[in-house]
Amino acid sequence: TLGSYGVEEGVRRLLTLSSQRAFARLTEPGGFYDDQLTRLTLPDTG
């Protein structure tokens, strides 16, 4: 349980879990391209 667990460390914990989940998706085949939120686009070429 929370106990002596600090709020500052809690922010780090929140970010660690968020990053874990995000990278698990992004490192799947097509992880960037298949998601409109993360898809990279080719810049216009003049």
ModelCIF file with pLDDT and N, C-alpha, C, O atoms, coordinates in Angstrom:
data_MODEL
#
_entry.id   MODEL 
#
_entity.id                         1 
_entity.type                       polymer 
_entity.pdbx_number_of_molecules   1 
#
_entity_poly.entity_id                      1 
_entity_poly.type                           'polypeptide(L)' 
_entity_poly.nstd_linkage                   no 
_entity_poly.nstd_monomer                   no 
_entity_poly.pdbx_seq_one_letter_code       TLGSYGVEEGVRRLLTLSSQRAFARLTEPGGFYDDQLTRLTLPDTG 
_entity_poly.pdbx_seq_one_letter_code_can   TLGSYGVEEGVRRLLTLSSQRAFARLTEPGGFYDDQLTRLTLPDTG 
_entity_poly.pdbx_strand_id                 A 
#
loop_
_entity_poly_seq.entity_id 
_entity_poly_seq.num 
_entity_poly_seq.mon_id 
_entity_poly_seq.hetero 
1 1  THR n 
1 2  LEU n 
1 3  GLY n 
1 4  SER n 
1 5  TYR n 
1 6  GLY n 
1 7  VAL n 
1 8  GLU n 
1 9  GLU n 
1 10 GLY n 
1 11 VAL n 
1 12 ARG n 
1 13 ARG n 
1 14 LEU n 
1 15 LEU n 
1 16 THR n 
1 17 LEU n 
1 18 SER n 
1 19 SER n 
1 20 GLN n 
1 21 ARG n 
1 22 ALA n 
1 23 PHE n 
1 24 ALA n 
1 25 ARG n 
1 26 LEU n 
1 27 THR n 
1 28 GLU n 
1 29 PRO n 
1 30 GLY n 
1 31 GLY n 
1 32 PHE n 
1 33 TYR n 
1 34 ASP n 
1 35 ASP n 
1 36 GLN n 
1 37 LEU n 
1 38 THR n 
1 39 ARG n 
1 40 LEU n 
1 41 THR n 
1 42 LEU n 
1 43 PRO n 
1 44 ASP n 
1 45 THR n 
1 46 GLY n 
#
_struct_asym.id          A 
_struct_asym.entity_id   1 
#
loop_
_ma_qa_metric.id 
_ma_qa_metric.mode 
_ma_qa_metric.name 
_ma_qa_metric.software_group_id 
_ma_qa_metric.type 
1 global pLDDT . pLDDT 
2 local  pLDDT . pLDDT 
#
_ma_qa_metric_global.metric_id      1 
_ma_qa_metric_global.metric_value   83.00 
_ma_qa_metric_global.model_id       1 
_ma_qa_metric_global.ordinal_id     1 
#
loop_
_ma_qa_metric_local.label_asym_id 
_ma_qa_metric_local.label_comp_id 
_ma_qa_metric_local.label_seq_id 
_ma_qa_metric_local.metric_id 
_ma_qa_metric_local.metric_value 
_ma_qa_metric_local.model_id 
_ma_qa_metric_local.ordinal_id 
A THR 1  2 37.00 1 1  
A LEU 2  2 42.00 1 2  
A GLY 3  2 44.00 1 3  
A SER 4  2 46.00 1 4  
A TYR 5  2 58.00 1 5  
A GLY 6  2 78.00 1 6  
A VAL 7  2 86.00 1 7  
A GLU 8  2 86.00 1 8  
A GLU 9  2 83.00 1 9  
A GLY 10 2 85.00 1 10 
A VAL 11 2 90.00 1 11 
A ARG 12 2 90.00 1 12 
A ARG 13 2 90.00 1 13 
A LEU 14 2 94.00 1 14 
A LEU 15 2 95.00 1 15 
A THR 16 2 95.00 1 16 
A LEU 17 2 95.00 1 17 
A SER 18 2 96.00 1 18 
A SER 19 2 96.00 1 19 
A GLN 20 2 93.00 1 20 
A ARG 21 2 95.00 1 21 
A ALA 22 2 96.00 1 22 
A PHE 23 2 95.00 1 23 
A ALA 24 2 94.00 1 24 
A ARG 25 2 93.00 1 25 
A LEU 26 2 94.00 1 26 
A THR 27 2 91.00 1 27 
A GLU 28 2 91.00 1 28 
A PRO 29 2 89.00 1 29 
A GLY 30 2 90.00 1 30 
A GLY 31 2 92.00 1 31 
A PHE 32 2 93.00 1 32 
A TYR 33 2 91.00 1 33 
A ASP 34 2 92.00 1 34 
A ASP 35 2 92.00 1 35 
A GLN 36 2 91.00 1 36 
A LEU 37 2 94.00 1 37 
A THR 38 2 94.00 1 38 
A ARG 39 2 92.00 1 39 
A LEU 40 2 89.00 1 40 
A THR 41 2 84.00 1 41 
A LEU 42 2 73.00 1 42 
A PRO 43 2 67.00 1 43 
A ASP 44 2 62.00 1 44 
A THR 45 2 53.00 1 45 
A GLY 46 2 52.00 1 46 
#
loop_
_atom_site.group_PDB 
_atom_site.id 
_atom_site.type_symbol 
_atom_site.label_atom_id 
_atom_site.label_alt_id 
_atom_site.label_comp_id 
_atom_site.label_asym_id 
_atom_site.label_entity_id 
_atom_site.label_seq_id 
_atom_site.pdbx_PDB_ins_code 
_atom_site.Cartn_x 
_atom_site.Cartn_y 
_atom_site.Cartn_z 
_atom_site.occupancy 
_atom_site.B_iso_or_equiv 
_atom_site.pdbx_formal_charge 
_atom_site.auth_seq_id 
_atom_site.auth_comp_id 
_atom_site.auth_asym_id 
_atom_site.auth_atom_id 
_atom_site.pdbx_PDB_model_num 
ATOM 1   N N  . THR A 1 1  ? 0.849  -1.182 0.000   1.00 37.00 ? 1  THR A N  1 
ATOM 2   C CA . THR A 1 1  ? 0.000  0.000  0.000   1.00 37.00 ? 1  THR A CA 1 
ATOM 3   C C  . THR A 1 1  ? 0.885  1.233  0.000   1.00 37.00 ? 1  THR A C  1 
ATOM 4   O O  . THR A 1 1  ? 2.111  1.120  0.013   1.00 37.00 ? 1  THR A O  1 
ATOM 5   N N  . LEU A 1 2  ? 0.269  2.417  -0.015  1.00 42.00 ? 2  LEU A N  1 
ATOM 6   C CA . LEU A 1 2  ? 1.014  3.662  -0.183  1.00 42.00 ? 2  LEU A CA 1 
ATOM 7   C C  . LEU A 1 2  ? 2.109  3.824  0.857   1.00 42.00 ? 2  LEU A C  1 
ATOM 8   O O  . LEU A 1 2  ? 3.257  4.092  0.502   1.00 42.00 ? 2  LEU A O  1 
ATOM 9   N N  . GLY A 1 3  ? 1.783  3.667  2.129   1.00 44.00 ? 3  GLY A N  1 
ATOM 10  C CA . GLY A 1 3  ? 2.797  3.736  3.180   1.00 44.00 ? 3  GLY A CA 1 
ATOM 11  C C  . GLY A 1 3  ? 3.639  4.987  3.078   1.00 44.00 ? 3  GLY A C  1 
ATOM 12  O O  . GLY A 1 3  ? 3.112  6.098  3.018   1.00 44.00 ? 3  GLY A O  1 
ATOM 13  N N  . SER A 1 4  ? 4.955  4.808  3.058   1.00 46.00 ? 4  SER A N  1 
ATOM 14  C CA . SER A 1 4  ? 5.876  5.940  2.987   1.00 46.00 ? 4  SER A CA 1 
ATOM 15  C C  . SER A 1 4  ? 6.173  6.350  1.557   1.00 46.00 ? 4  SER A C  1 
ATOM 16  O O  . SER A 1 4  ? 7.057  7.171  1.312   1.00 46.00 ? 4  SER A O  1 
ATOM 17  N N  . TYR A 1 5  ? 5.456  5.797  0.636   1.00 58.00 ? 5  TYR A N  1 
ATOM 18  C CA . TYR A 1 5  ? 5.664  6.062  -0.785  1.00 58.00 ? 5  TYR A CA 1 
ATOM 19  C C  . TYR A 1 5  ? 5.390  7.531  -1.083  1.00 58.00 ? 5  TYR A C  1 
ATOM 20  O O  . TYR A 1 5  ? 4.287  8.013  -0.823  1.00 58.00 ? 5  TYR A O  1 
ATOM 21  N N  . GLY A 1 6  ? 6.380  8.256  -1.627  1.00 78.00 ? 6  GLY A N  1 
ATOM 22  C CA . GLY A 1 6  ? 6.251  9.685  -1.836  1.00 78.00 ? 6  GLY A CA 1 
ATOM 23  C C  . GLY A 1 6  ? 5.446  10.044 -3.070  1.00 78.00 ? 6  GLY A C  1 
ATOM 24  O O  . GLY A 1 6  ? 5.367  9.279  -4.030  1.00 78.00 ? 6  GLY A O  1 
ATOM 25  N N  . VAL A 1 7  ? 4.849  11.230 -3.021  1.00 86.00 ? 7  VAL A N  1 
ATOM 26  C CA . VAL A 1 7  ? 4.065  11.705 -4.157  1.00 86.00 ? 7  VAL A CA 1 
ATOM 27  C C  . VAL A 1 7  ? 4.965  11.936 -5.362  1.00 86.00 ? 7  VAL A C  1 
ATOM 28  O O  . VAL A 1 7  ? 4.568  11.655 -6.493  1.00 86.00 ? 7  VAL A O  1 
ATOM 29  N N  . GLU A 1 8  ? 6.172  12.443 -5.135  1.00 86.00 ? 8  GLU A N  1 
ATOM 30  C CA . GLU A 1 8  ? 7.101  12.661 -6.248  1.00 86.00 ? 8  GLU A CA 1 
ATOM 31  C C  . GLU A 1 8  ? 7.439  11.341 -6.934  1.00 86.00 ? 8  GLU A C  1 
ATOM 32  O O  . GLU A 1 8  ? 7.478  11.257 -8.161  1.00 86.00 ? 8  GLU A O  1 
ATOM 33  N N  . GLU A 1 9  ? 7.681  10.321 -6.127  1.00 83.00 ? 9  GLU A N  1 
ATOM 34  C CA . GLU A 1 9  ? 7.951  9.008  -6.711  1.00 83.00 ? 9  GLU A CA 1 
ATOM 35  C C  . GLU A 1 9  ? 6.711  8.460  -7.399  1.00 83.00 ? 9  GLU A C  1 
ATOM 36  O O  . GLU A 1 9  ? 6.817  7.684  -8.350  1.00 83.00 ? 9  GLU A O  1 
ATOM 37  N N  . GLY A 1 10 ? 5.540  8.857  -6.926  1.00 85.00 ? 10 GLY A N  1 
ATOM 38  C CA . GLY A 1 10 ? 4.305  8.435  -7.573  1.00 85.00 ? 10 GLY A CA 1 
ATOM 39  C C  . GLY A 1 10 ? 4.185  8.964  -8.995  1.00 85.00 ? 10 GLY A C  1 
ATOM 40  O O  . GLY A 1 10 ? 3.683  8.269  -9.879  1.00 85.00 ? 10 GLY A O  1 
ATOM 41  N N  . VAL A 1 11 ? 4.645  10.189 -9.218  1.00 90.00 ? 11 VAL A N  1 
ATOM 42  C CA . VAL A 1 11 ? 4.649  10.739 -10.576 1.00 90.00 ? 11 VAL A CA 1 
ATOM 43  C C  . VAL A 1 11 ? 5.555  9.906  -11.470 1.00 90.00 ? 11 VAL A C  1 
ATOM 44  O O  . VAL A 1 11 ? 5.208  9.594  -12.609 1.00 90.00 ? 11 VAL A O  1 
ATOM 45  N N  . ARG A 1 12 ? 6.717  9.550  -10.940 1.00 90.00 ? 12 ARG A N  1 
ATOM 46  C CA . ARG A 1 12 ? 7.635  8.718  -11.722 1.00 90.00 ? 12 ARG A CA 1 
ATOM 47  C C  . ARG A 1 12 ? 7.006  7.361  -12.029 1.00 90.00 ? 12 ARG A C  1 
ATOM 48  O O  . ARG A 1 12 ? 7.173  6.815  -13.120 1.00 90.00 ? 12 ARG A O  1 
ATOM 49  N N  . ARG A 1 13 ? 6.292  6.839  -11.061 1.00 90.00 ? 13 ARG A N  1 
ATOM 50  C CA . ARG A 1 13 ? 5.628  5.540  -11.248 1.00 90.00 ? 13 ARG A CA 1 
ATOM 51  C C  . ARG A 1 13 ? 4.548  5.629  -12.320 1.00 90.00 ? 13 ARG A C  1 
ATOM 52  O O  . ARG A 1 13 ? 4.411  4.732  -13.153 1.00 90.00 ? 13 ARG A O  1 
ATOM 53  N N  . LEU A 1 14 ? 3.793  6.701  -12.294 1.00 94.00 ? 14 LEU A N  1 
ATOM 54  C CA . LEU A 1 14 ? 2.762  6.921  -13.302 1.00 94.00 ? 14 LEU A CA 1 
ATOM 55  C C  . LEU A 1 14 ? 3.379  6.999  -14.693 1.00 94.00 ? 14 LEU A C  1 
ATOM 56  O O  . LEU A 1 14 ? 2.855  6.422  -15.646 1.00 94.00 ? 14 LEU A O  1 
ATOM 57  N N  . LEU A 1 15 ? 4.494  7.715  -14.804 1.00 95.00 ? 15 LEU A N  1 
ATOM 58  C CA . LEU A 1 15 ? 5.154  7.855  -16.098 1.00 95.00 ? 15 LEU A CA 1 
ATOM 59  C C  . LEU A 1 15 ? 5.790  6.550  -16.557 1.00 95.00 ? 15 LEU A C  1 
ATOM 60  O O  . LEU A 1 15 ? 5.796  6.246  -17.750 1.00 95.00 ? 15 LEU A O  1 
ATOM 61  N N  . THR A 1 16 ? 6.324  5.781  -15.620 1.00 95.00 ? 16 THR A N  1 
ATOM 62  C CA . THR A 1 16 ? 6.936  4.508  -15.995 1.00 95.00 ? 16 THR A CA 1 
ATOM 63  C C  . THR A 1 16 ? 5.898  3.560  -16.570 1.00 95.00 ? 16 THR A C  1 
ATOM 64  O O  . THR A 1 16 ? 6.136  2.937  -17.605 1.00 95.00 ? 16 THR A O  1 
ATOM 65  N N  . LEU A 1 17 ? 4.761  3.445  -15.918 1.00 95.00 ? 17 LEU A N  1 
ATOM 66  C CA . LEU A 1 17 ? 3.714  2.569  -16.415 1.00 95.00 ? 17 LEU A CA 1 
ATOM 67  C C  . LEU A 1 17 ? 3.145  3.079  -17.733 1.00 95.00 ? 17 LEU A C  1 
ATOM 68  O O  . LEU A 1 17 ? 2.881  2.294  -18.643 1.00 95.00 ? 17 LEU A O  1 
ATOM 69  N N  . SER A 1 18 ? 2.957  4.393  -17.837 1.00 96.00 ? 18 SER A N  1 
ATOM 70  C CA . SER A 1 18 ? 2.458  4.969  -19.089 1.00 96.00 ? 18 SER A CA 1 
ATOM 71  C C  . SER A 1 18 ? 3.426  4.700  -20.232 1.00 96.00 ? 18 SER A C  1 
ATOM 72  O O  . SER A 1 18 ? 3.007  4.365  -21.340 1.00 96.00 ? 18 SER A O  1 
ATOM 73  N N  . SER A 1 19 ? 4.729  4.847  -19.961 1.00 96.00 ? 19 SER A N  1 
ATOM 74  C CA . SER A 1 19 ? 5.738  4.602  -20.990 1.00 96.00 ? 19 SER A CA 1 
ATOM 75  C C  . SER A 1 19 ? 5.787  3.133  -21.371 1.00 96.00 ? 19 SER A C  1 
ATOM 76  O O  . SER A 1 19 ? 5.909  2.793  -22.548 1.00 96.00 ? 19 SER A O  1 
ATOM 77  N N  . GLN A 1 20 ? 5.692  2.265  -20.375 1.00 93.00 ? 20 GLN A N  1 
ATOM 78  C CA . GLN A 1 20 ? 5.705  0.833  -20.651 1.00 93.00 ? 20 GLN A CA 1 
ATOM 79  C C  . GLN A 1 20 ? 4.597  0.466  -21.625 1.00 93.00 ? 20 GLN A C  1 
ATOM 80  O O  . GLN A 1 20 ? 4.826  -0.248 -22.602 1.00 93.00 ? 20 GLN A O  1 
ATOM 81  N N  . ARG A 1 21 ? 3.402  0.956  -21.355 1.00 95.00 ? 21 ARG A N  1 
ATOM 82  C CA . ARG A 1 21 ? 2.266  0.633  -22.211 1.00 95.00 ? 21 ARG A CA 1 
ATOM 83  C C  . ARG A 1 21 ? 2.420  1.253  -23.605 1.00 95.00 ? 21 ARG A C  1 
ATOM 84  O O  . ARG A 1 21 ? 2.111  0.618  -24.613 1.00 95.00 ? 21 ARG A O  1 
ATOM 85  N N  . ALA A 1 22 ? 2.901  2.495  -23.646 1.00 96.00 ? 22 ALA A N  1 
ATOM 86  C CA . ALA A 1 22 ? 3.057  3.169  -24.934 1.00 96.00 ? 22 ALA A CA 1 
ATOM 87  C C  . ALA A 1 22 ? 4.073  2.468  -25.813 1.00 96.00 ? 22 ALA A C  1 
ATOM 88  O O  . ALA A 1 22 ? 3.812  2.228  -26.992 1.00 96.00 ? 22 ALA A O  1 
ATOM 89  N N  . PHE A 1 23 ? 5.237  2.136  -25.253 1.00 95.00 ? 23 PHE A N  1 
ATOM 90  C CA . PHE A 1 23 ? 6.276  1.492  -26.051 1.00 95.00 ? 23 PHE A CA 1 
ATOM 91  C C  . PHE A 1 23 ? 5.881  0.072  -26.439 1.00 95.00 ? 23 PHE A C  1 
ATOM 92  O O  . PHE A 1 23 ? 6.283  -0.412 -27.497 1.00 95.00 ? 23 PHE A O  1 
ATOM 93  N N  . ALA A 1 24 ? 5.107  -0.594 -25.603 1.00 94.00 ? 24 ALA A N  1 
ATOM 94  C CA . ALA A 1 24 ? 4.644  -1.927 -25.972 1.00 94.00 ? 24 ALA A CA 1 
ATOM 95  C C  . ALA A 1 24 ? 3.817  -1.868 -27.258 1.00 94.00 ? 24 ALA A C  1 
ATOM 96  O O  . ALA A 1 24 ? 3.900  -2.763 -28.099 1.00 94.00 ? 24 ALA A O  1 
ATOM 97  N N  . ARG A 1 25 ? 3.026  -0.816 -27.401 1.00 93.00 ? 25 ARG A N  1 
ATOM 98  C CA . ARG A 1 25 ? 2.239  -0.648 -28.628 1.00 93.00 ? 25 ARG A CA 1 
ATOM 99  C C  . ARG A 1 25 ? 3.117  -0.212 -29.801 1.00 93.00 ? 25 ARG A C  1 
ATOM 100 O O  . ARG A 1 25 ? 3.011  -0.749 -30.904 1.00 93.00 ? 25 ARG A O  1 
ATOM 101 N N  . LEU A 1 26 ? 3.978  0.761  -29.547 1.00 94.00 ? 26 LEU A N  1 
ATOM 102 C CA . LEU A 1 26 ? 4.756  1.349  -30.635 1.00 94.00 ? 26 LEU A CA 1 
ATOM 103 C C  . LEU A 1 26 ? 5.766  0.386  -31.230 1.00 94.00 ? 26 LEU A C  1 
ATOM 104 O O  . LEU A 1 26 ? 6.100  0.504  -32.409 1.00 94.00 ? 26 LEU A O  1 
ATOM 105 N N  . THR A 1 27 ? 6.264  -0.564 -30.448 1.00 91.00 ? 27 THR A N  1 
ATOM 106 C CA . THR A 1 27 ? 7.270  -1.488 -30.955 1.00 91.00 ? 27 THR A CA 1 
ATOM 107 C C  . THR A 1 27 ? 6.668  -2.735 -31.587 1.00 91.00 ? 27 THR A C  1 
ATOM 108 O O  . THR A 1 27 ? 7.399  -3.631 -32.009 1.00 91.00 ? 27 THR A O  1 
ATOM 109 N N  . GLU A 1 28 ? 5.357  -2.801 -31.656 1.00 91.00 ? 28 GLU A N  1 
ATOM 110 C CA . GLU A 1 28 ? 4.708  -3.853 -32.438 1.00 91.00 ? 28 GLU A CA 1 
ATOM 111 C C  . GLU A 1 28 ? 4.898  -3.534 -33.924 1.00 91.00 ? 28 GLU A C  1 
ATOM 112 O O  . GLU A 1 28 ? 5.071  -2.367 -34.275 1.00 91.00 ? 28 GLU A O  1 
ATOM 113 N N  . PRO A 1 29 ? 4.871  -4.539 -34.806 1.00 89.00 ? 29 PRO A N  1 
ATOM 114 C CA . PRO A 1 29 ? 4.912  -4.257 -36.242 1.00 89.00 ? 29 PRO A CA 1 
ATOM 115 C C  . PRO A 1 29 ? 3.782  -3.303 -36.627 1.00 89.00 ? 29 PRO A C  1 
ATOM 116 O O  . PRO A 1 29 ? 2.618  -3.541 -36.303 1.00 89.00 ? 29 PRO A O  1 
ATOM 117 N N  . GLY A 1 30 ? 4.133  -2.240 -37.310 1.00 90.00 ? 30 GLY A N  1 
ATOM 118 C CA . GLY A 1 30 ? 3.135  -1.239 -37.681 1.00 90.00 ? 30 GLY A CA 1 
ATOM 119 C C  . GLY A 1 30 ? 2.692  -0.387 -36.519 1.00 90.00 ? 30 GLY A C  1 
ATOM 120 O O  . GLY A 1 30 ? 1.666  0.288  -36.601 1.00 90.00 ? 30 GLY A O  1 
ATOM 121 N N  . GLY A 1 31 ? 3.451  -0.405 -35.431 1.00 92.00 ? 31 GLY A N  1 
ATOM 122 C CA . GLY A 1 31 ? 3.046  0.282  -34.215 1.00 92.00 ? 31 GLY A CA 1 
ATOM 123 C C  . GLY A 1 31 ? 2.831  1.770  -34.375 1.00 92.00 ? 31 GLY A C  1 
ATOM 124 O O  . GLY A 1 31 ? 1.975  2.348  -33.706 1.00 92.00 ? 31 GLY A O  1 
ATOM 125 N N  . PHE A 1 32 ? 3.598  2.402  -35.256 1.00 93.00 ? 32 PHE A N  1 
ATOM 126 C CA . PHE A 1 32 ? 3.401  3.833  -35.527 1.00 93.00 ? 32 PHE A CA 1 
ATOM 127 C C  . PHE A 1 32 ? 2.379  4.020  -36.649 1.00 93.00 ? 32 PHE A C  1 
ATOM 128 O O  . PHE A 1 32 ? 1.445  4.810  -36.509 1.00 93.00 ? 32 PHE A O  1 
ATOM 129 N N  . TYR A 1 33 ? 2.548  3.311  -37.743 1.00 91.00 ? 33 TYR A N  1 
ATOM 130 C CA . TYR A 1 33 ? 1.756  3.561  -38.948 1.00 91.00 ? 33 TYR A CA 1 
ATOM 131 C C  . TYR A 1 33 ? 0.286  3.222  -38.766 1.00 91.00 ? 33 TYR A C  1 
ATOM 132 O O  . TYR A 1 33 ? -0.577 3.902  -39.322 1.00 91.00 ? 33 TYR A O  1 
ATOM 133 N N  . ASP A 1 34 ? -0.015 2.181  -37.998 1.00 92.00 ? 34 ASP A N  1 
ATOM 134 C CA . ASP A 1 34 ? -1.394 1.719  -37.877 1.00 92.00 ? 34 ASP A CA 1 
ATOM 135 C C  . ASP A 1 34 ? -2.236 2.557  -36.919 1.00 92.00 ? 34 ASP A C  1 
ATOM 136 O O  . ASP A 1 34 ? -3.420 2.278  -36.729 1.00 92.00 ? 34 ASP A O  1 
ATOM 137 N N  . ASP A 1 35 ? -1.644 3.563  -36.327 1.00 92.00 ? 35 ASP A N  1 
ATOM 138 C CA . ASP A 1 35 ? -2.333 4.390  -35.334 1.00 92.00 ? 35 ASP A CA 1 
ATOM 139 C C  . ASP A 1 35 ? -2.321 5.841  -35.799 1.00 92.00 ? 35 ASP A C  1 
ATOM 140 O O  . ASP A 1 35 ? -1.256 6.435  -35.966 1.00 92.00 ? 35 ASP A O  1 
ATOM 141 N N  . GLN A 1 36 ? -3.501 6.408  -36.008 1.00 91.00 ? 36 GLN A N  1 
ATOM 142 C CA . GLN A 1 36 ? -3.582 7.793  -36.480 1.00 91.00 ? 36 GLN A CA 1 
ATOM 143 C C  . GLN A 1 36 ? -2.900 8.764  -35.521 1.00 91.00 ? 36 GLN A C  1 
ATOM 144 O O  . GLN A 1 36 ? -2.388 9.799  -35.947 1.00 91.00 ? 36 GLN A O  1 
ATOM 145 N N  . LEU A 1 37 ? -2.890 8.442  -34.241 1.00 94.00 ? 37 LEU A N  1 
ATOM 146 C CA . LEU A 1 37 ? -2.295 9.333  -33.251 1.00 94.00 ? 37 LEU A CA 1 
ATOM 147 C C  . LEU A 1 37 ? -0.787 9.400  -33.384 1.00 94.00 ? 37 LEU A C  1 
ATOM 148 O O  . LEU A 1 37 ? -0.190 10.425 -33.057 1.00 94.00 ? 37 LEU A O  1 
ATOM 149 N N  . THR A 1 38 ? -0.154 8.333  -33.854 1.00 94.00 ? 38 THR A N  1 
ATOM 150 C CA . THR A 1 38 ? 1.308  8.269  -33.872 1.00 94.00 ? 38 THR A CA 1 
ATOM 151 C C  . THR A 1 38 ? 1.902  8.142  -35.271 1.00 94.00 ? 38 THR A C  1 
ATOM 152 O O  . THR A 1 38 ? 3.125  8.115  -35.409 1.00 94.00 ? 38 THR A O  1 
ATOM 153 N N  . ARG A 1 39 ? 1.088  8.065  -36.295 1.00 92.00 ? 39 ARG A N  1 
ATOM 154 C CA . ARG A 1 39 ? 1.615  7.842  -37.650 1.00 92.00 ? 39 ARG A CA 1 
ATOM 155 C C  . ARG A 1 39 ? 2.495  9.004  -38.103 1.00 92.00 ? 39 ARG A C  1 
ATOM 156 O O  . ARG A 1 39 ? 2.139  10.172 -37.942 1.00 92.00 ? 39 ARG A O  1 
ATOM 157 N N  . LEU A 1 40 ? 3.644  8.662  -38.668 1.00 89.00 ? 40 LEU A N  1 
ATOM 158 C CA . LEU A 1 40 ? 4.547  9.663  -39.239 1.00 89.00 ? 40 LEU A CA 1 
ATOM 159 C C  . LEU A 1 40 ? 4.164  9.896  -40.691 1.00 89.00 ? 40 LEU A C  1 
ATOM 160 O O  . LEU A 1 40 ? 3.785  8.960  -41.396 1.00 89.00 ? 40 LEU A O  1 
ATOM 161 N N  . THR A 1 41 ? 4.262  11.136 -41.137 1.00 84.00 ? 41 THR A N  1 
ATOM 162 C CA . THR A 1 41 ? 3.903  11.476 -42.508 1.00 84.00 ? 41 THR A CA 1 
ATOM 163 C C  . THR A 1 41 ? 5.115  12.021 -43.247 1.00 84.00 ? 41 THR A C  1 
ATOM 164 O O  . THR A 1 41 ? 6.002  12.626 -42.645 1.00 84.00 ? 41 THR A O  1 
ATOM 165 N N  . LEU A 1 42 ? 5.144  11.803 -44.546 1.00 73.00 ? 42 LEU A N  1 
ATOM 166 C CA . LEU A 1 42 ? 6.244  12.286 -45.373 1.00 73.00 ? 42 LEU A CA 1 
ATOM 167 C C  . LEU A 1 42 ? 6.056  13.774 -45.631 1.00 73.00 ? 42 LEU A C  1 
ATOM 168 O O  . LEU A 1 42 ? 4.992  14.182 -46.095 1.00 73.00 ? 42 LEU A O  1 
ATOM 169 N N  . PRO A 1 43 ? 7.076  14.606 -45.339 1.00 67.00 ? 43 PRO A N  1 
ATOM 170 C CA . PRO A 1 43 ? 6.927  16.039 -45.591 1.00 67.00 ? 43 PRO A CA 1 
ATOM 171 C C  . PRO A 1 43 ? 6.818  16.336 -47.073 1.00 67.00 ? 43 PRO A C  1 
ATOM 172 O O  . PRO A 1 43 ? 7.312  15.577 -47.907 1.00 67.00 ? 43 PRO A O  1 
ATOM 173 N N  . ASP A 1 44 ? 6.167  17.447 -47.398 1.00 62.00 ? 44 ASP A N  1 
ATOM 174 C CA . ASP A 1 44 ? 6.026  17.845 -48.796 1.00 62.00 ? 44 ASP A CA 1 
ATOM 175 C C  . ASP A 1 44 ? 7.396  18.097 -49.410 1.00 62.00 ? 44 ASP A C  1 
ATOM 176 O O  . ASP A 1 44 ? 8.284  18.663 -48.773 1.00 62.00 ? 44 ASP A O  1 
ATOM 177 N N  . THR A 1 45 ? 7.549  17.668 -50.655 1.00 53.00 ? 45 THR A N  1 
ATOM 178 C CA . THR A 1 45 ? 8.805  17.869 -51.380 1.00 53.00 ? 45 THR A CA 1 
ATOM 179 C C  . THR A 1 45 ? 8.566  18.858 -52.502 1.00 53.00 ? 45 THR A C  1 
ATOM 180 O O  . THR A 1 45 ? 7.722  18.637 -53.371 1.00 53.00 ? 45 THR A O  1 
ATOM 181 N N  . GLY A 1 46 ? 9.305  19.940 -52.478 1.00 52.00 ? 46 GLY A N  1 
ATOM 182 C CA . GLY A 1 46 ? 9.147  20.965 -53.503 1.00 52.00 ? 46 GLY A CA 1 
ATOM 183 C C  . GLY A 1 46 ? 9.959  20.657 -54.748 1.00 52.00 ? 46 GLY A C  1 
ATOM 184 O O  . GLY A 1 46 ? 9.934  21.427 -55.708 1.00 52.00 ? 46 GLY A O  1 
#
